[in-house]
C-alpha atoms as a PDB file:
ATOM      1  CA  MET A   1      45.109  12.576 -67.897  1.00  0.00           C
ATOM      2  CA  THR A   2      47.793  14.353 -69.928  1.00  0.00           C
ATOM      3  CA  ASP A   3      51.425  13.563 -70.123  1.00  0.00           C
ATOM      4  CA  ASP A   4      51.933  17.036 -68.712  1.00  0.00           C
ATOM      5  CA  ALA A   5      50.074  16.173 -65.520  1.00  0.00           C
ATOM      6  CA  ILE A   6      52.317  13.102 -65.060  1.00  0.00           C
ATOM      7  CA  ARG A   7      55.443  15.140 -65.740  1.00  0.00           C
ATOM      8  CA  ALA A   8      54.204  17.632 -63.116  1.00  0.00           C
ATOM      9  CA  LEU A   9      54.607  14.909 -60.462  1.00  0.00           C
ATOM     10  CA  TRP A  10      58.387  14.869 -61.128  1.00  0.00           C
ATOM     11  CA  GLN A  11      58.595  18.640 -61.158  1.00  0.00           C
ATOM     12  CA  THR A  12      56.985  18.639 -57.665  1.00  0.00           C
ATOM     13  CA  MET A  13      59.317  15.888 -56.493  1.00  0.00           C
ATOM     14  CA  ALA A  14      62.319  17.792 -57.783  1.00  0.00           C
ATOM     15  CA  ALA A  15      61.088  21.044 -56.169  1.00  0.00           C
ATOM     16  CA  GLY A  16      60.844  19.229 -52.835  1.00  0.00           C
ATOM     17  CA  TRP A  17      64.227  17.725 -53.182  1.00  0.00           C
ATOM     18  CA  ASN A  18      65.824  21.083 -54.038  1.00  0.00           C
ATOM     19  CA  ALA A  19      64.137  22.768 -51.108  1.00  0.00           C
ATOM     20  CA  GLY A  20      65.208  20.011 -48.772  1.00  0.00           C
ATOM     21  CA  ASP A  21      61.617  19.420 -48.120  1.00  0.00           C
ATOM     22  CA  ALA A  22      60.917  15.708 -47.563  1.00  0.00           C
ATOM     23  CA  VAL A  23      57.163  16.123 -47.173  1.00  0.00           C
ATOM     24  CA  ARG A  24      56.801  17.990 -50.457  1.00  0.00           C
ATOM     25  CA  PHE A  25      59.099  15.523 -52.073  1.00  0.00           C
ATOM     26  CA  ALA A  26      57.001  12.581 -50.957  1.00  0.00           C
ATOM     27  CA  SER A  27      53.682  14.318 -51.684  1.00  0.00           C
ATOM     28  CA  VAL A  28      53.539  12.866 -55.081  1.00  0.00           C
ATOM     29  CA  PHE A  29      53.547   9.384 -53.950  1.00  0.00           C
ATOM     30  CA  ALA A  30      50.392   7.442 -52.944  1.00  0.00           C
ATOM     31  CA  ALA A  31      49.746   6.880 -49.161  1.00  0.00           C
ATOM     32  CA  ASP A  32      50.282   3.091 -49.942  1.00  0.00           C
ATOM     33  CA  VAL A  33      53.191   3.475 -52.394  1.00  0.00           C
ATOM     34  CA  ASP A  34      55.716   0.655 -52.924  1.00  0.00           C
ATOM     35  CA  PHE A  35      59.063   2.378 -53.261  1.00  0.00           C
ATOM     36  CA  VAL A  36      62.433   0.692 -53.922  1.00  0.00           C
ATOM     37  CA  ASN A  37      65.406   2.952 -53.585  1.00  0.00           C
ATOM     38  CA  VAL A  38      68.870   2.747 -55.414  1.00  0.00           C
ATOM     39  CA  ARG A  39      70.222   0.509 -52.581  1.00  0.00           C
ATOM     40  CA  GLY A  40      67.402  -1.948 -53.134  1.00  0.00           C
ATOM     41  CA  GLU A  41      65.579  -1.044 -49.847  1.00  0.00           C
ATOM     42  CA  ALA A  42      61.963  -1.392 -49.983  1.00  0.00           C
ATOM     43  CA  LEU A  43      59.820   1.275 -48.332  1.00  0.00           C
ATOM     44  CA  SER A  44      56.157   1.030 -47.848  1.00  0.00           C
ATOM     45  CA  GLY A  45      53.983   4.185 -47.815  1.00  0.00           C
ATOM     46  CA  ARG A  46      54.409   7.971 -48.286  1.00  0.00           C
ATOM     47  CA  ALA A  47      55.375   8.347 -44.728  1.00  0.00           C
ATOM     48  CA  ALA A  48      58.336   6.025 -45.069  1.00  0.00           C
ATOM     49  CA  VAL A  49      59.511   7.789 -48.229  1.00  0.00           C
ATOM     50  CA  ALA A  50      59.368  11.263 -46.440  1.00  0.00           C
ATOM     51  CA  GLY A  51      61.177  10.041 -43.406  1.00  0.00           C
ATOM     52  CA  THR A  52      63.944   8.297 -45.298  1.00  0.00           C
ATOM     53  CA  HIS A  53      64.443  11.405 -47.504  1.00  0.00           C
ATOM     54  CA  ALA A  54      64.466  13.658 -44.503  1.00  0.00           C
ATOM     55  CA  GLY A  55      67.411  11.975 -43.385  1.00  0.00           C
ATOM     56  CA  LEU A  56      69.070  12.168 -46.819  1.00  0.00           C
ATOM     57  CA  PHE A  57      68.347  15.959 -46.926  1.00  0.00           C
ATOM     58  CA  SER A  58      69.826  16.607 -43.625  1.00  0.00           C
ATOM     59  CA  GLY A  59      72.877  14.312 -44.203  1.00  0.00           C
ATOM     60  CA  ALA A  60      74.746  13.280 -47.334  1.00  0.00           C
ATOM     61  CA  TYR A  61      72.404  15.013 -49.855  1.00  0.00           C
ATOM     62  CA  ARG A  62      71.996  18.333 -47.945  1.00  0.00           C
ATOM     63  CA  GLY A  63      72.123  21.225 -50.375  1.00  0.00           C
ATOM     64  CA  THR A  64      71.944  19.089 -53.579  1.00  0.00           C
ATOM     65  CA  THR A  65      69.551  19.450 -56.309  1.00  0.00           C
ATOM     66  CA  LEU A  66      67.505  17.016 -58.355  1.00  0.00           C
ATOM     67  CA  ALA A  67      66.843  17.382 -62.099  1.00  0.00           C
ATOM     68  CA  ALA A  68      64.457  14.998 -63.603  1.00  0.00           C
ATOM     69  CA  SER A  69      63.547  14.044 -67.158  1.00  0.00           C
ATOM     70  CA  VAL A  70      60.524  11.940 -67.926  1.00  0.00           C
ATOM     71  CA  THR A  71      61.657   9.813 -70.937  1.00  0.00           C
ATOM     72  CA  LEU A  72      58.504   7.518 -71.388  1.00  0.00           C
ATOM     73  CA  VAL A  73      54.795   7.626 -70.559  1.00  0.00           C
ATOM     74  CA  ARG A  74      52.900   4.574 -71.681  1.00  0.00           C
ATOM     75  CA  ARG A  75      49.264   4.096 -70.796  1.00  0.00           C
ATOM     76  CA  LEU A  76      48.571   0.606 -69.417  1.00  0.00           C
ATOM     77  CA  THR A  77      44.852   1.204 -68.608  1.00  0.00           C
ATOM     78  CA  PRO A  78      42.628   4.197 -68.419  1.00  0.00           C
ATOM     79  CA  GLU A  79      43.801   4.597 -64.755  1.00  0.00           C
ATOM     80  CA  LEU A  80      47.353   3.544 -64.891  1.00  0.00           C
ATOM     81  CA  SER A  81      50.568   4.628 -66.777  1.00  0.00           C
ATOM     82  CA  LEU A  82      54.047   3.239 -66.788  1.00  0.00           C
ATOM     83  CA  VAL A  83      56.655   6.017 -66.586  1.00  0.00           C
ATOM     84  CA  HIS A  84      60.440   6.119 -66.936  1.00  0.00           C
ATOM     85  CA  VAL A  85      62.542   8.873 -65.549  1.00  0.00           C
ATOM     86  CA  THR A  86      66.231   9.713 -65.655  1.00  0.00           C
ATOM     87  CA  SER A  87      67.347  12.009 -62.838  1.00  0.00           C
ATOM     88  CA  GLU A  88      70.554  13.595 -61.788  1.00  0.00           C
ATOM     89  CA  ILE A  89      71.615  14.587 -58.292  1.00  0.00           C
ATOM     90  CA  ARG A  90      73.945  17.720 -58.602  1.00  0.00           C
ATOM     91  CA  PRO A  91      76.643  18.352 -57.705  1.00  0.00           C
ATOM     92  CA  ALA A  92      77.179  14.669 -56.607  1.00  0.00           C
ATOM     93  CA  GLY A  93      76.872  13.634 -60.237  1.00  0.00           C
ATOM     94  CA  VAL A  94      74.633  10.558 -59.334  1.00  0.00           C
ATOM     95  CA  VAL A  95      72.480   9.597 -62.290  1.00  0.00           C
ATOM     96  CA  THR A  96      69.464   7.311 -61.643  1.00  0.00           C
ATOM     97  CA  HIS A  97      66.766   5.649 -63.725  1.00  0.00           C
ATOM     98  CA  ALA A  98      63.328   5.157 -62.227  1.00  0.00           C
ATOM     99  CA  GLN A  99      60.355   2.996 -63.503  1.00  0.00           C
ATOM    100  CA  ALA A 100      57.093   3.957 -61.863  1.00  0.00           C
ATOM    101  CA  VAL A 101      53.336   3.236 -62.176  1.00  0.00           C
ATOM    102  CA  VAL A 102      51.191   6.411 -61.957  1.00  0.00           C
ATOM    103  CA  ARG A 103      47.619   6.049 -60.899  1.00  0.00           C
ATOM    104  CA  HIS A 104      45.348   8.726 -62.423  1.00  0.00           C
ATOM    105  CA  ALA A 105      41.883   7.703 -61.480  1.00  0.00           C
ATOM    106  CA  GLY A 106      41.637  10.978 -59.658  1.00  0.00           C
ATOM    107  CA  ALA A 107      44.585  13.185 -58.700  1.00  0.00           C
ATOM    108  CA  PRO A 108      47.699  11.592 -60.215  1.00  0.00           C
ATOM    109  CA  GLU A 109      49.969   9.812 -57.831  1.00  0.00           C
ATOM    110  CA  ILE A 110      52.796   7.404 -57.940  1.00  0.00           C
ATOM    111  CA  ALA A 111      51.580   4.044 -56.774  1.00  0.00           C
ATOM    112  CA  ALA A 112      54.901   1.899 -57.384  1.00  0.00           C
ATOM    113  CA  PHE A 113      58.355   3.232 -57.860  1.00  0.00           C
ATOM    114  CA  HIS A 114      61.774   1.419 -58.544  1.00  0.00           C
ATOM    115  CA  ASN A 115      64.940   3.534 -58.648  1.00  0.00           C
ATOM    116  CA  MET A 116      68.439   2.382 -59.553  1.00  0.00           C
ATOM    117  CA  ILE A 117      71.786   3.465 -60.650  1.00  0.00           C
ATOM    118  CA  PRO A 118      72.449   2.239 -64.169  1.00  0.00           C
ATOM    119  CA  LYS A 119      75.644   0.186 -64.449  1.00  0.00           C
ATOM    120  CA  GLY A 120      78.588   1.796 -66.170  1.00  0.00           C
END
């Protein structure tokens, strides 16, 4: 598994966001993902991530874009990597920082994801 393959997960996620396509956005997450959003709400599973984001894309974040930058990829085991990502939602100007665990014992997928808005 290369760092480029891991970065591609965030490229797919951003492409889904930018198209307002919640299913494509969520496609990078494992079916059993543990996902914590910026409000501290815990979502369980890819379907929950897609459903929540469908609401965002048809509501407050309709027409926005997501730009993501992977800032750290650290191998934890041959099958797992820790990933840090900084993202910006434009034009809203919302900057987030995410920490994720990517499984790559097959096709890479995000198994755990915690997103937050940095203080300050």
